[in-house]
Amino acid sequence: MSGERSMENTAEEERETRARSEYFWHTYYGFPSEMLGWALLVVTLLFSAFVISVAMGML
């Protein structure tokens, strides 16, 4: 009986750990990681446009 119970506990702990890691990867400080990725892309593109415009002497 105790062997069965320990296997159940191990499986349950593994499930909880997996759920926590999935939660961690899908959220970052409460933001969905996909939204954070899009925001990072927009900031990168805006910064690149700024650097290119400065290099061309527009600003």
PDB file of N, CA and C in Angstrom:
ATOM      1  N   MET A   1       0.822  -1.207   0.000  1.00  0.00           N
ATOM      2  CA  MET A   1       0.000   0.000   0.000  1.00  0.00           C
ATOM      3  C   MET A   1       0.861   1.265   0.000  1.00  0.00           C
ATOM      4  N   SER A   2       1.884   1.276   0.849  1.00  0.00           N
ATOM      5  CA  SER A   2       2.687   2.496   0.945  1.00  0.00           C
ATOM      6  C   SER A   2       3.422   2.778  -0.367  1.00  0.00           C
ATOM      7  N   GLY A   3       3.802   1.706  -1.096  1.00  0.00           N
ATOM      8  CA  GLY A   3       4.457   1.891  -2.388  1.00  0.00           C
ATOM      9  C   GLY A   3       3.535   2.564  -3.382  1.00  0.00           C
ATOM     10  N   GLU A   4       2.256   2.142  -3.380  1.00  0.00           N
ATOM     11  CA  GLU A   4       1.271   2.767  -4.269  1.00  0.00           C
ATOM     12  C   GLU A   4       1.074   4.231  -3.921  1.00  0.00           C
ATOM     13  N   ARG A   5       0.961   4.484  -2.635  1.00  0.00           N
ATOM     14  CA  ARG A   5       0.708   5.856  -2.186  1.00  0.00           C
ATOM     15  C   ARG A   5       1.874   6.772  -2.572  1.00  0.00           C
ATOM     16  N   SER A   6       3.110   6.300  -2.394  1.00  0.00           N
ATOM     17  CA  SER A   6       4.256   7.146  -2.734  1.00  0.00           C
ATOM     18  C   SER A   6       4.309   7.409  -4.241  1.00  0.00           C
ATOM     19  N   MET A   7       3.903   6.415  -5.044  1.00  0.00           N
ATOM     20  CA  MET A   7       3.866   6.635  -6.495  1.00  0.00           C
ATOM     21  C   MET A   7       2.813   7.672  -6.856  1.00  0.00           C
ATOM     22  N   GLU A   8       1.657   7.615  -6.184  1.00  0.00           N
ATOM     23  CA  GLU A   8       0.606   8.606  -6.429  1.00  0.00           C
ATOM     24  C   GLU A   8       1.092   9.996  -6.050  1.00  0.00           C
ATOM     25  N   ASN A   9       1.753  10.092  -4.891  1.00  0.00           N
ATOM     26  CA  ASN A   9       2.268  11.387  -4.444  1.00  0.00           C
ATOM     27  C   ASN A   9       3.300  11.926  -5.428  1.00  0.00           C
ATOM     28  N   THR A  10       4.181  11.056  -5.905  1.00  0.00           N
ATOM     29  CA  THR A  10       5.206  11.483  -6.857  1.00  0.00           C
ATOM     30  C   THR A  10       4.561  11.997  -8.140  1.00  0.00           C
ATOM     31  N   ALA A  11       3.560  11.272  -8.638  1.00  0.00           N
ATOM     32  CA  ALA A  11       2.874  11.692  -9.864  1.00  0.00           C
ATOM     33  C   ALA A  11       2.164  13.025  -9.649  1.00  0.00           C
ATOM     34  N   GLU A  12       1.553  13.184  -8.483  1.00  0.00           N
ATOM     35  CA  GLU A  12       0.841  14.435  -8.185  1.00  0.00           C
ATOM     36  C   GLU A  12       1.824  15.602  -8.075  1.00  0.00           C
ATOM     37  N   GLU A  13       2.954  15.377  -7.407  1.00  0.00           N
ATOM     38  CA  GLU A  13       3.968  16.435  -7.283  1.00  0.00           C
ATOM     39  C   GLU A  13       4.515  16.808  -8.659  1.00  0.00           C
ATOM     40  N   GLU A  14       4.717  15.793  -9.502  1.00  0.00           N
ATOM     41  CA  GLU A  14       5.223  16.054 -10.849  1.00  0.00           C
ATOM     42  C   GLU A  14       4.232  16.901 -11.640  1.00  0.00           C
ATOM     43  N   ARG A  15       2.944  16.592 -11.493  1.00  0.00           N
ATOM     44  CA  ARG A  15       1.901  17.356 -12.174  1.00  0.00           C
ATOM     45  C   ARG A  15       1.908  18.809 -11.700  1.00  0.00           C
ATOM     46  N   GLU A  16       2.035  19.006 -10.385  1.00  0.00           N
ATOM     47  CA  GLU A  16       2.067  20.371  -9.834  1.00  0.00           C
ATOM     48  C   GLU A  16       3.287  21.131 -10.332  1.00  0.00           C
ATOM     49  N   THR A  17       4.437  20.458 -10.349  1.00  0.00           N
ATOM     50  CA  THR A  17       5.664  21.106 -10.824  1.00  0.00           C
ATOM     51  C   THR A  17       5.519  21.507 -12.283  1.00  0.00           C
ATOM     52  N   ARG A  18       4.951  20.617 -13.093  1.00  0.00           N
ATOM     53  CA  ARG A  18       4.755  20.916 -14.513  1.00  0.00           C
ATOM     54  C   ARG A  18       3.803  22.094 -14.682  1.00  0.00           C
ATOM     55  N   ALA A  19       2.732  22.117 -13.897  1.00  0.00           N
ATOM     56  CA  ALA A  19       1.768  23.221 -13.979  1.00  0.00           C
ATOM     57  C   ALA A  19       2.434  24.536 -13.598  1.00  0.00           C
ATOM     58  N   ARG A  20       3.277  24.506 -12.562  1.00  0.00           N
ATOM     59  CA  ARG A  20       3.983  25.732 -12.153  1.00  0.00           C
ATOM     60  C   ARG A  20       4.938  26.198 -13.240  1.00  0.00           C
ATOM     61  N   SER A  21       5.677  25.273 -13.852  1.00  0.00           N
ATOM     62  CA  SER A  21       6.636  25.679 -14.883  1.00  0.00           C
ATOM     63  C   SER A  21       5.909  26.203 -16.116  1.00  0.00           C
ATOM     64  N   GLU A  22       4.762  25.587 -16.480  1.00  0.00           N
ATOM     65  CA  GLU A  22       3.983  26.109 -17.606  1.00  0.00           C
ATOM     66  C   GLU A  22       3.477  27.508 -17.288  1.00  0.00           C
ATOM     67  N   TYR A  23       3.030  27.713 -16.051  1.00  0.00           N
ATOM     68  CA  TYR A  23       2.561  29.042 -15.650  1.00  0.00           C
ATOM     69  C   TYR A  23       3.705  30.037 -15.745  1.00  0.00           C
ATOM     70  N   PHE A  24       4.897  29.636 -15.310  1.00  0.00           N
ATOM     71  CA  PHE A  24       6.055  30.531 -15.352  1.00  0.00           C
ATOM     72  C   PHE A  24       6.384  30.916 -16.790  1.00  0.00           C
ATOM     73  N   TRP A  25       6.364  29.945 -17.708  1.00  0.00           N
ATOM     74  CA  TRP A  25       6.760  30.244 -19.078  1.00  0.00           C
ATOM     75  C   TRP A  25       5.696  31.021 -19.836  1.00  0.00           C
ATOM     76  N   HIS A  26       4.440  30.900 -19.421  1.00  0.00           N
ATOM     77  CA  HIS A  26       3.382  31.607 -20.142  1.00  0.00           C
ATOM     78  C   HIS A  26       3.085  32.976 -19.548  1.00  0.00           C
ATOM     79  N   THR A  27       3.660  33.284 -18.402  1.00  0.00           N
ATOM     80  CA  THR A  27       3.457  34.606 -17.808  1.00  0.00           C
ATOM     81  C   THR A  27       4.796  35.145 -17.341  1.00  0.00           C
ATOM     82  N   TYR A  28       4.938  36.433 -17.345  1.00  0.00           N
ATOM     83  CA  TYR A  28       6.157  37.082 -16.877  1.00  0.00           C
ATOM     84  C   TYR A  28       5.710  38.336 -16.151  1.00  0.00           C
ATOM     85  N   TYR A  29       5.821  38.324 -14.853  1.00  0.00           N
ATOM     86  CA  TYR A  29       5.320  39.419 -14.014  1.00  0.00           C
ATOM     87  C   TYR A  29       3.848  39.699 -14.305  1.00  0.00           C
ATOM     88  N   GLY A  30       3.075  38.637 -14.538  1.00  0.00           N
ATOM     89  CA  GLY A  30       1.647  38.791 -14.754  1.00  0.00           C
ATOM     90  C   GLY A  30       1.246  39.079 -16.187  1.00  0.00           C
ATOM     91  N   PHE A  31       2.215  39.319 -17.075  1.00  0.00           N
ATOM     92  CA  PHE A  31       1.888  39.556 -18.484  1.00  0.00           C
ATOM     93  C   PHE A  31       2.011  38.248 -19.250  1.00  0.00           C
ATOM     94  N   PRO A  32       1.094  37.983 -20.166  1.00  0.00           N
ATOM     95  CA  PRO A  32       1.289  36.816 -21.039  1.00  0.00           C
ATOM     96  C   PRO A  32       2.569  36.996 -21.848  1.00  0.00           C
ATOM     97  N   SER A  33       3.360  35.950 -21.979  1.00  0.00           N
ATOM     98  CA  SER A  33       4.656  36.068 -22.649  1.00  0.00           C
ATOM     99  C   SER A  33       4.505  36.472 -24.112  1.00  0.00           C
ATOM    100  N   GLU A  34       3.389  36.082 -24.741  1.00  0.00           N
ATOM    101  CA  GLU A  34       3.178  36.457 -26.141  1.00  0.00           C
ATOM    102  C   GLU A  34       3.059  37.973 -26.279  1.00  0.00           C
ATOM    103  N   MET A  35       2.315  38.600 -25.361  1.00  0.00           N
ATOM    104  CA  MET A  35       2.148  40.053 -25.392  1.00  0.00           C
ATOM    105  C   MET A  35       3.489  40.739 -25.135  1.00  0.00           C
ATOM    106  N   LEU A  36       4.270  40.182 -24.223  1.00  0.00           N
ATOM    107  CA  LEU A  36       5.590  40.740 -23.934  1.00  0.00           C
ATOM    108  C   LEU A  36       6.491  40.643 -25.166  1.00  0.00           C
ATOM    109  N   GLY A  37       6.379  39.545 -25.896  1.00  0.00           N
ATOM    110  CA  GLY A  37       7.166  39.374 -27.120  1.00  0.00           C
ATOM    111  C   GLY A  37       6.816  40.412 -28.172  1.00  0.00           C
ATOM    112  N   TRP A  38       5.515  40.662 -28.353  1.00  0.00           N
ATOM    113  CA  TRP A  38       5.094  41.684 -29.326  1.00  0.00           C
ATOM    114  C   TRP A  38       5.573  43.068 -28.899  1.00  0.00           C
ATOM    115  N   ALA A  39       5.489  43.370 -27.608  1.00  0.00           N
ATOM    116  CA  ALA A  39       5.950  44.673 -27.108  1.00  0.00           C
ATOM    117  C   ALA A  39       7.448  44.830 -27.348  1.00  0.00           C
ATOM    118  N   LEU A  40       8.206  43.771 -27.103  1.00  0.00           N
ATOM    119  CA  LEU A  40       9.650  43.805 -27.327  1.00  0.00           C
ATOM    120  C   LEU A  40       9.963  44.006 -28.810  1.00  0.00           C
ATOM    121  N   LEU A  41       9.195  43.369 -29.681  1.00  0.00           N
ATOM    122  CA  LEU A  41       9.377  43.536 -31.120  1.00  0.00           C
ATOM    123  C   LEU A  41       9.120  44.979 -31.542  1.00  0.00           C
ATOM    124  N   VAL A  42       8.043  45.568 -31.046  1.00  0.00           N
ATOM    125  CA  VAL A  42       7.699  46.955 -31.382  1.00  0.00           C
ATOM    126  C   VAL A  42       8.796  47.901 -30.906  1.00  0.00           C
ATOM    127  N   VAL A  43       9.259  47.728 -29.667  1.00  0.00           N
ATOM    128  CA  VAL A  43      10.319  48.590 -29.124  1.00  0.00           C
ATOM    129  C   VAL A  43      11.585  48.445 -29.958  1.00  0.00           C
ATOM    130  N   THR A  44      11.928  47.219 -30.330  1.00  0.00           N
ATOM    131  CA  THR A  44      13.127  46.987 -31.142  1.00  0.00           C
ATOM    132  C   THR A  44      13.014  47.674 -32.501  1.00  0.00           C
ATOM    133  N   LEU A  45      11.854  47.549 -33.135  1.00  0.00           N
ATOM    134  CA  LEU A  45      11.664  48.186 -34.444  1.00  0.00           C
ATOM    135  C   LEU A  45      11.706  49.705 -34.347  1.00  0.00           C
ATOM    136  N   LEU A  46      11.088  50.265 -33.308  1.00  0.00           N
ATOM    137  CA  LEU A  46      11.120  51.720 -33.128  1.00  0.00           C
ATOM    138  C   LEU A  46      12.545  52.210 -32.884  1.00  0.00           C
ATOM    139  N   PHE A  47      13.294  51.493 -32.059  1.00  0.00           N
ATOM    140  CA  PHE A  47      14.676  51.878 -31.779  1.00  0.00           C
ATOM    141  C   PHE A  47      15.522  51.784 -33.049  1.00  0.00           C
ATOM    142  N   SER A  48      15.310  50.719 -33.820  1.00  0.00           N
ATOM    143  CA  SER A  48      16.055  50.562 -35.078  1.00  0.00           C
ATOM    144  C   SER A  48      15.738  51.704 -36.037  1.00  0.00           C
ATOM    145  N   ALA A  49      14.468  52.079 -36.134  1.00  0.00           N
ATOM    146  CA  ALA A  49      14.081  53.192 -37.006  1.00  0.00           C
ATOM    147  C   ALA A  49      14.736  54.486 -36.542  1.00  0.00           C
ATOM    148  N   PHE A  50      14.800  54.690 -35.228  1.00  0.00           N
ATOM    149  CA  PHE A  50      15.444  55.883 -34.679  1.00  0.00           C
ATOM    150  C   PHE A  50      16.932  55.903 -35.022  1.00  0.00           C
ATOM    151  N   VAL A  51      17.606  54.782 -34.821  1.00  0.00           N
ATOM    152  CA  VAL A  51      19.043  54.705 -35.107  1.00  0.00           C
ATOM    153  C   VAL A  51      19.306  54.944 -36.591  1.00  0.00           C
ATOM    154  N   ILE A  52      18.496  54.360 -37.449  1.00  0.00           N
ATOM    155  CA  ILE A  52      18.675  54.543 -38.898  1.00  0.00           C
ATOM    156  C   ILE A  52      18.432  55.997 -39.292  1.00  0.00           C
ATOM    157  N   SER A  53      17.405  56.619 -38.710  1.00  0.00           N
ATOM    158  CA  SER A  53      17.125  58.018 -39.055  1.00  0.00           C
ATOM    159  C   SER A  53      18.240  58.942 -38.564  1.00  0.00           C
ATOM    160  N   VAL A  54      18.811  58.652 -37.408  1.00  0.00           N
ATOM    161  CA  VAL A  54      19.943  59.455 -36.917  1.00  0.00           C
ATOM    162  C   VAL A  54      21.142  59.251 -37.837  1.00  0.00           C
ATOM    163  N   ALA A  55      21.381  58.018 -38.246  1.00  0.00           N
ATOM    164  CA  ALA A  55      22.515  57.724 -39.125  1.00  0.00           C
ATOM    165  C   ALA A  55      22.368  58.429 -40.476  1.00  0.00           C
ATOM    166  N   MET A  56      21.147  58.596 -40.932  1.00  0.00           N
ATOM    167  CA  MET A  56      20.916  59.270 -42.212  1.00  0.00           C
ATOM    168  C   MET A  56      20.850  60.785 -42.051  1.00  0.00           C
ATOM    169  N   GLY A  57      20.916  61.269 -40.827  1.00  0.00           N
ATOM    170  CA  GLY A  57      20.923  62.700 -40.575  1.00  0.00           C
ATOM    171  C   GLY A  57      19.558  63.352 -40.628  1.00  0.00           C
ATOM    172  N   MET A  58      18.516  62.582 -40.439  1.00  0.00           N
ATOM    173  CA  MET A  58      17.162  63.138 -40.502  1.00  0.00           C
ATOM    174  C   MET A  58      16.780  63.829 -39.196  1.00  0.00           C
ATOM    175  N   LEU A  59      17.299  63.340 -38.077  1.00  0.00           N
ATOM    176  CA  LEU A  59      16.951  63.953 -36.788  1.00  0.00           C
ATOM    177  C   LEU A  59      18.126  64.755 -36.245  1.00  0.00           C
TER     178      LEU A  59
END
